[in-house]
Structure formats: structure tokens, C-alpha cells
Amino acid sequence: MTKVKRWVGLLLLLICVLMGVWVVQDNPLEVPVTLLGFPLLKLPLGIWLLVAFLAGSVLSYVVGLPGSLRQKAQCRRLQRQLALAETEIQTLKSAAIKS
């Protein structure tokens, strides 16, 4: 199953790269961009679109990371509690059988 996931991920990556090349090729007009009053490089519009998309993707990943880490920590804590509860149930069952 992990091999299938790996191949699907590589296929999606290849599709994204090809679409990025396509966007750059379809938008060759060079445009100047000013960010917070500072002029940036004069690059083709397609590259600026890809930069904006990548910046948004990275920003959304960074914003979502703390919540994901919190959920993983909670899952580990609940798994430990479940394991302790199961061992306690087993000890109670064995004590009940003995008496």
C-alpha cells in the first residue's frame, strides 16, 4: 500500500510540475512587482503566479502545523490511557477469576 501511495504522490508531483511549466509558458509577459513599497525583480507573470501559489501553500502548512501536532499528541496520550485501562481490566478479570 505504501508503494501505491508513493507512486500516486510522484504522479501528482509530476502533474503539478507540468502544470507549473504550462502556466509559465502561457504567461511570458514580464511584469514589475512592488512589495511593501520595494520594487522586486521584473519576471514573467507565470513565475510570479507560481511564487504566490507556493508562498500560500507554505503559509497554510505552517499555520495548520500547530493544530496537527496538538492532535497527534492528544492521540498518543489517549492511546497510553487506553493501554493502561486495558491492563487494569485484565488484572481485575484475573483477580475476579481467582476469588
N, C-alpha and C. Protein backbone atom coordinates (compact mmCIF):
# COMPACT_ATOMS: atom_id res chain seq x y z
N MET A 1 0.82 -1.20 0.00
CA MET A 1 0.00 0.00 0.00
C MET A 1 0.85 1.26 0.00
N THR A 2 1.99 1.21 0.70
CA THR A 2 2.84 2.40 0.73
C THR A 2 3.46 2.66 -0.63
N LYS A 3 3.70 1.59 -1.41
CA LYS A 3 4.23 1.79 -2.75
C LYS A 3 3.21 2.49 -3.64
N VAL A 4 1.95 2.13 -3.47
CA VAL A 4 0.90 2.78 -4.26
C VAL A 4 0.81 4.26 -3.89
N LYS A 5 0.86 4.56 -2.59
CA LYS A 5 0.83 5.95 -2.15
C LYS A 5 2.01 6.73 -2.71
N ARG A 6 3.18 6.09 -2.70
CA ARG A 6 4.37 6.75 -3.23
C ARG A 6 4.22 7.05 -4.72
N TRP A 7 3.70 6.08 -5.48
CA TRP A 7 3.53 6.29 -6.92
C TRP A 7 2.48 7.35 -7.20
N VAL A 8 1.39 7.34 -6.43
CA VAL A 8 0.35 8.36 -6.61
C VAL A 8 0.92 9.73 -6.28
N GLY A 9 1.70 9.83 -5.20
CA GLY A 9 2.33 11.11 -4.84
C GLY A 9 3.28 11.60 -5.91
N LEU A 10 4.08 10.69 -6.46
CA LEU A 10 5.00 11.08 -7.53
C LEU A 10 4.24 11.51 -8.79
N LEU A 11 3.15 10.83 -9.09
CA LEU A 11 2.34 11.20 -10.24
C LEU A 11 1.73 12.58 -10.05
N LEU A 12 1.21 12.86 -8.85
CA LEU A 12 0.65 14.18 -8.57
C LEU A 12 1.72 15.27 -8.63
N LEU A 13 2.92 14.95 -8.14
CA LEU A 13 4.02 15.92 -8.21
C LEU A 13 4.38 16.21 -9.66
N LEU A 14 4.45 15.18 -10.48
CA LEU A 14 4.75 15.37 -11.90
C LEU A 14 3.69 16.21 -12.59
N ILE A 15 2.43 15.96 -12.27
CA ILE A 15 1.34 16.74 -12.85
C ILE A 15 1.45 18.21 -12.43
N CYS A 16 1.77 18.45 -11.15
CA CYS A 16 1.92 19.83 -10.67
C CYS A 16 3.08 20.54 -11.36
N VAL A 17 4.18 19.84 -11.53
CA VAL A 17 5.34 20.44 -12.21
C VAL A 17 4.99 20.77 -13.65
N LEU A 18 4.33 19.85 -14.33
CA LEU A 18 3.95 20.10 -15.72
C LEU A 18 2.97 21.26 -15.84
N MET A 19 2.02 21.34 -14.90
CA MET A 19 1.09 22.47 -14.93
C MET A 19 1.82 23.78 -14.63
N GLY A 20 2.82 23.74 -13.75
CA GLY A 20 3.61 24.94 -13.47
C GLY A 20 4.37 25.41 -14.70
N VAL A 21 4.97 24.47 -15.41
CA VAL A 21 5.67 24.82 -16.65
C VAL A 21 4.68 25.38 -17.66
N TRP A 22 3.50 24.80 -17.72
CA TRP A 22 2.47 25.27 -18.64
C TRP A 22 2.05 26.71 -18.31
N VAL A 23 1.86 27.00 -17.02
CA VAL A 23 1.47 28.35 -16.61
C VAL A 23 2.56 29.36 -16.97
N VAL A 24 3.81 28.98 -16.74
CA VAL A 24 4.92 29.89 -17.07
C VAL A 24 4.99 30.13 -18.57
N GLN A 25 4.78 29.08 -19.36
CA GLN A 25 4.85 29.22 -20.81
C GLN A 25 3.68 30.05 -21.35
N ASP A 26 2.52 29.95 -20.73
CA ASP A 26 1.35 30.70 -21.21
C ASP A 26 1.32 32.14 -20.74
N ASN A 27 2.15 32.51 -19.79
CA ASN A 27 2.18 33.88 -19.25
C ASN A 27 3.60 34.44 -19.31
N PRO A 28 4.11 34.70 -20.53
CA PRO A 28 5.50 35.14 -20.65
C PRO A 28 5.71 36.64 -20.43
N LEU A 29 4.64 37.41 -20.30
CA LEU A 29 4.77 38.86 -20.17
C LEU A 29 5.51 39.21 -18.89
N GLU A 30 6.59 39.97 -19.00
CA GLU A 30 7.35 40.38 -17.81
C GLU A 30 6.66 41.55 -17.15
N VAL A 31 6.46 41.44 -15.85
CA VAL A 31 5.77 42.48 -15.10
C VAL A 31 6.63 42.87 -13.89
N PRO A 32 6.64 44.18 -13.59
CA PRO A 32 7.32 44.60 -12.36
C PRO A 32 6.37 44.45 -11.17
N VAL A 33 6.89 43.97 -10.07
CA VAL A 33 6.08 43.79 -8.86
C VAL A 33 6.69 44.62 -7.74
N THR A 34 5.83 45.35 -7.02
CA THR A 34 6.26 46.13 -5.87
C THR A 34 5.64 45.52 -4.62
N LEU A 35 6.48 45.20 -3.65
CA LEU A 35 6.00 44.58 -2.42
C LEU A 35 6.35 45.49 -1.25
N LEU A 36 5.34 46.03 -0.61
CA LEU A 36 5.51 46.94 0.53
C LEU A 36 6.39 48.13 0.18
N GLY A 37 6.23 48.62 -1.03
CA GLY A 37 6.99 49.79 -1.46
C GLY A 37 8.36 49.49 -2.03
N PHE A 38 8.78 48.23 -2.01
CA PHE A 38 10.08 47.84 -2.54
C PHE A 38 9.90 47.16 -3.89
N PRO A 39 10.55 47.69 -4.92
CA PRO A 39 10.42 47.04 -6.23
C PRO A 39 11.18 45.71 -6.24
N LEU A 40 10.54 44.69 -6.78
CA LEU A 40 11.16 43.38 -6.91
C LEU A 40 11.63 43.17 -8.34
N LEU A 41 12.15 42.01 -8.62
CA LEU A 41 12.64 41.71 -9.95
C LEU A 41 11.52 41.77 -10.98
N LYS A 42 11.89 42.04 -12.22
CA LYS A 42 10.94 42.02 -13.32
C LYS A 42 11.01 40.63 -13.94
N LEU A 43 10.00 39.82 -13.60
CA LEU A 43 9.96 38.43 -14.05
C LEU A 43 8.66 38.17 -14.80
N PRO A 44 8.62 37.06 -15.56
CA PRO A 44 7.36 36.72 -16.25
C PRO A 44 6.22 36.50 -15.26
N LEU A 45 5.01 36.83 -15.71
CA LEU A 45 3.84 36.72 -14.86
C LEU A 45 3.63 35.29 -14.35
N GLY A 46 3.94 34.31 -15.18
CA GLY A 46 3.78 32.91 -14.77
C GLY A 46 4.62 32.57 -13.56
N ILE A 47 5.82 33.09 -13.51
CA ILE A 47 6.70 32.83 -12.36
C ILE A 47 6.13 33.49 -11.11
N TRP A 48 5.63 34.72 -11.24
CA TRP A 48 5.04 35.39 -10.09
C TRP A 48 3.81 34.63 -9.59
N LEU A 49 3.03 34.07 -10.53
CA LEU A 49 1.87 33.28 -10.11
C LEU A 49 2.30 32.03 -9.34
N LEU A 50 3.34 31.37 -9.83
CA LEU A 50 3.84 30.18 -9.13
C LEU A 50 4.41 30.53 -7.76
N VAL A 51 5.12 31.65 -7.68
CA VAL A 51 5.68 32.09 -6.39
C VAL A 51 4.56 32.38 -5.40
N ALA A 52 3.51 33.04 -5.87
CA ALA A 52 2.38 33.35 -4.98
C ALA A 52 1.69 32.07 -4.53
N PHE A 53 1.51 31.11 -5.44
CA PHE A 53 0.89 29.84 -5.08
C PHE A 53 1.73 29.08 -4.06
N LEU A 54 3.03 29.01 -4.29
CA LEU A 54 3.91 28.30 -3.37
C LEU A 54 3.97 28.98 -2.00
N ALA A 55 4.00 30.33 -2.00
CA ALA A 55 4.02 31.06 -0.73
C ALA A 55 2.73 30.80 0.05
N GLY A 56 1.60 30.78 -0.63
CA GLY A 56 0.33 30.48 0.04
C GLY A 56 0.29 29.06 0.57
N SER A 57 0.83 28.12 -0.20
CA SER A 57 0.85 26.73 0.25
C SER A 57 1.71 26.56 1.49
N VAL A 58 2.89 27.16 1.48
CA VAL A 58 3.78 27.06 2.63
C VAL A 58 3.16 27.74 3.85
N LEU A 59 2.56 28.89 3.64
CA LEU A 59 1.93 29.60 4.76
C LEU A 59 0.78 28.80 5.36
N SER A 60 -0.05 28.18 4.51
CA SER A 60 -1.15 27.40 5.05
C SER A 60 -0.64 26.16 5.79
N TYR A 61 0.45 25.56 5.32
CA TYR A 61 1.04 24.42 6.02
C TYR A 61 1.55 24.84 7.39
N VAL A 62 2.24 25.98 7.45
CA VAL A 62 2.81 26.45 8.71
C VAL A 62 1.70 26.82 9.69
N VAL A 63 0.63 27.42 9.20
CA VAL A 63 -0.48 27.79 10.08
C VAL A 63 -1.20 26.55 10.62
N GLY A 64 -1.32 25.51 9.81
CA GLY A 64 -2.01 24.30 10.24
C GLY A 64 -1.16 23.35 11.05
N LEU A 65 0.15 23.57 11.08
CA LEU A 65 1.06 22.65 11.76
C LEU A 65 0.82 22.54 13.27
N PRO A 66 0.62 23.64 14.01
CA PRO A 66 0.40 23.50 15.47
C PRO A 66 -0.84 22.66 15.80
N GLY A 67 -1.92 22.83 15.07
CA GLY A 67 -3.12 22.05 15.33
C GLY A 67 -2.89 20.57 15.06
N SER A 68 -2.17 20.28 14.00
CA SER A 68 -1.86 18.89 13.67
C SER A 68 -0.98 18.26 14.74
N LEU A 69 0.01 18.98 15.20
CA LEU A 69 0.88 18.47 16.26
C LEU A 69 0.12 18.25 17.55
N ARG A 70 -0.80 19.15 17.85
CA ARG A 70 -1.62 19.02 19.06
C ARG A 70 -2.50 17.77 18.97
N GLN A 71 -3.08 17.52 17.80
CA GLN A 71 -3.91 16.33 17.63
C GLN A 71 -3.10 15.05 17.75
N LYS A 72 -1.90 15.04 17.21
CA LYS A 72 -1.05 13.85 17.32
C LYS A 72 -0.67 13.59 18.78
N ALA A 73 -0.36 14.65 19.52
CA ALA A 73 -0.01 14.49 20.93
C ALA A 73 -1.21 13.97 21.71
N GLN A 74 -2.40 14.48 21.42
CA GLN A 74 -3.60 14.02 22.11
C GLN A 74 -3.87 12.55 21.77
N CYS A 75 -3.66 12.16 20.54
CA CYS A 75 -3.86 10.77 20.14
C CYS A 75 -2.91 9.84 20.88
N ARG A 76 -1.64 10.24 21.00
CA ARG A 76 -0.68 9.42 21.76
C ARG A 76 -1.08 9.32 23.23
N ARG A 77 -1.53 10.42 23.81
CA ARG A 77 -1.94 10.41 25.21
C ARG A 77 -3.14 9.50 25.41
N LEU A 78 -4.10 9.55 24.52
CA LEU A 78 -5.28 8.69 24.64
C LEU A 78 -4.93 7.22 24.41
N GLN A 79 -3.97 6.94 23.55
CA GLN A 79 -3.54 5.56 23.35
C GLN A 79 -2.87 5.01 24.62
N ARG A 80 -2.08 5.84 25.28
CA ARG A 80 -1.47 5.42 26.55
C ARG A 80 -2.54 5.16 27.60
N GLN A 81 -3.54 6.04 27.70
CA GLN A 81 -4.62 5.84 28.65
C GLN A 81 -5.39 4.56 28.35
N LEU A 82 -5.63 4.29 27.08
CA LEU A 82 -6.34 3.08 26.70
C LEU A 82 -5.54 1.83 27.07
N ALA A 83 -4.26 1.87 26.83
CA ALA A 83 -3.42 0.71 27.19
C ALA A 83 -3.44 0.48 28.69
N LEU A 84 -3.35 1.55 29.48
CA LEU A 84 -3.42 1.40 30.94
C LEU A 84 -4.77 0.85 31.37
N ALA A 85 -5.86 1.32 30.76
CA ALA A 85 -7.18 0.84 31.12
C ALA A 85 -7.34 -0.64 30.76
N GLU A 86 -6.80 -1.04 29.62
CA GLU A 86 -6.90 -2.44 29.22
C GLU A 86 -6.10 -3.35 30.16
N THR A 87 -4.92 -2.91 30.58
CA THR A 87 -4.15 -3.73 31.52
C THR A 87 -4.86 -3.81 32.87
N GLU A 88 -5.48 -2.73 33.28
CA GLU A 88 -6.22 -2.75 34.55
C GLU A 88 -7.42 -3.69 34.46
N ILE A 89 -8.10 -3.69 33.33
CA ILE A 89 -9.23 -4.60 33.13
C ILE A 89 -8.75 -6.04 33.20
N GLN A 90 -7.62 -6.32 32.57
CA GLN A 90 -7.09 -7.69 32.61
C GLN A 90 -6.72 -8.12 34.03
N THR A 91 -6.11 -7.22 34.78
CA THR A 91 -5.76 -7.58 36.17
C THR A 91 -7.02 -7.78 37.01
N LEU A 92 -8.05 -6.97 36.80
CA LEU A 92 -9.31 -7.15 37.54
C LEU A 92 -9.99 -8.46 37.17
N LYS A 93 -9.95 -8.81 35.88
CA LYS A 93 -10.55 -10.07 35.45
C LYS A 93 -9.83 -11.26 36.07
N SER A 94 -8.50 -11.20 36.07
CA SER A 94 -7.74 -12.32 36.64
C SER A 94 -7.94 -12.39 38.16
N ALA A 95 -8.09 -11.24 38.82
CA ALA A 95 -8.34 -11.25 40.27
C ALA A 95 -9.74 -11.79 40.56
N ALA A 96 -10.70 -11.50 39.70
CA ALA A 96 -12.07 -11.99 39.89
C ALA A 96 -12.14 -13.49 39.68
N ILE A 97 -11.36 -14.00 38.74
CA ILE A 97 -11.35 -15.44 38.47
C ILE A 97 -10.73 -16.18 39.64
N LYS A 98 -9.68 -15.63 40.24
CA LYS A 98 -9.01 -16.28 41.36
C LYS A 98 -9.88 -16.35 42.60
N SER A 99 -10.74 -15.36 42.81
CA SER A 99 -11.54 -15.34 44.03
C SER A 99 -12.89 -15.94 43.86
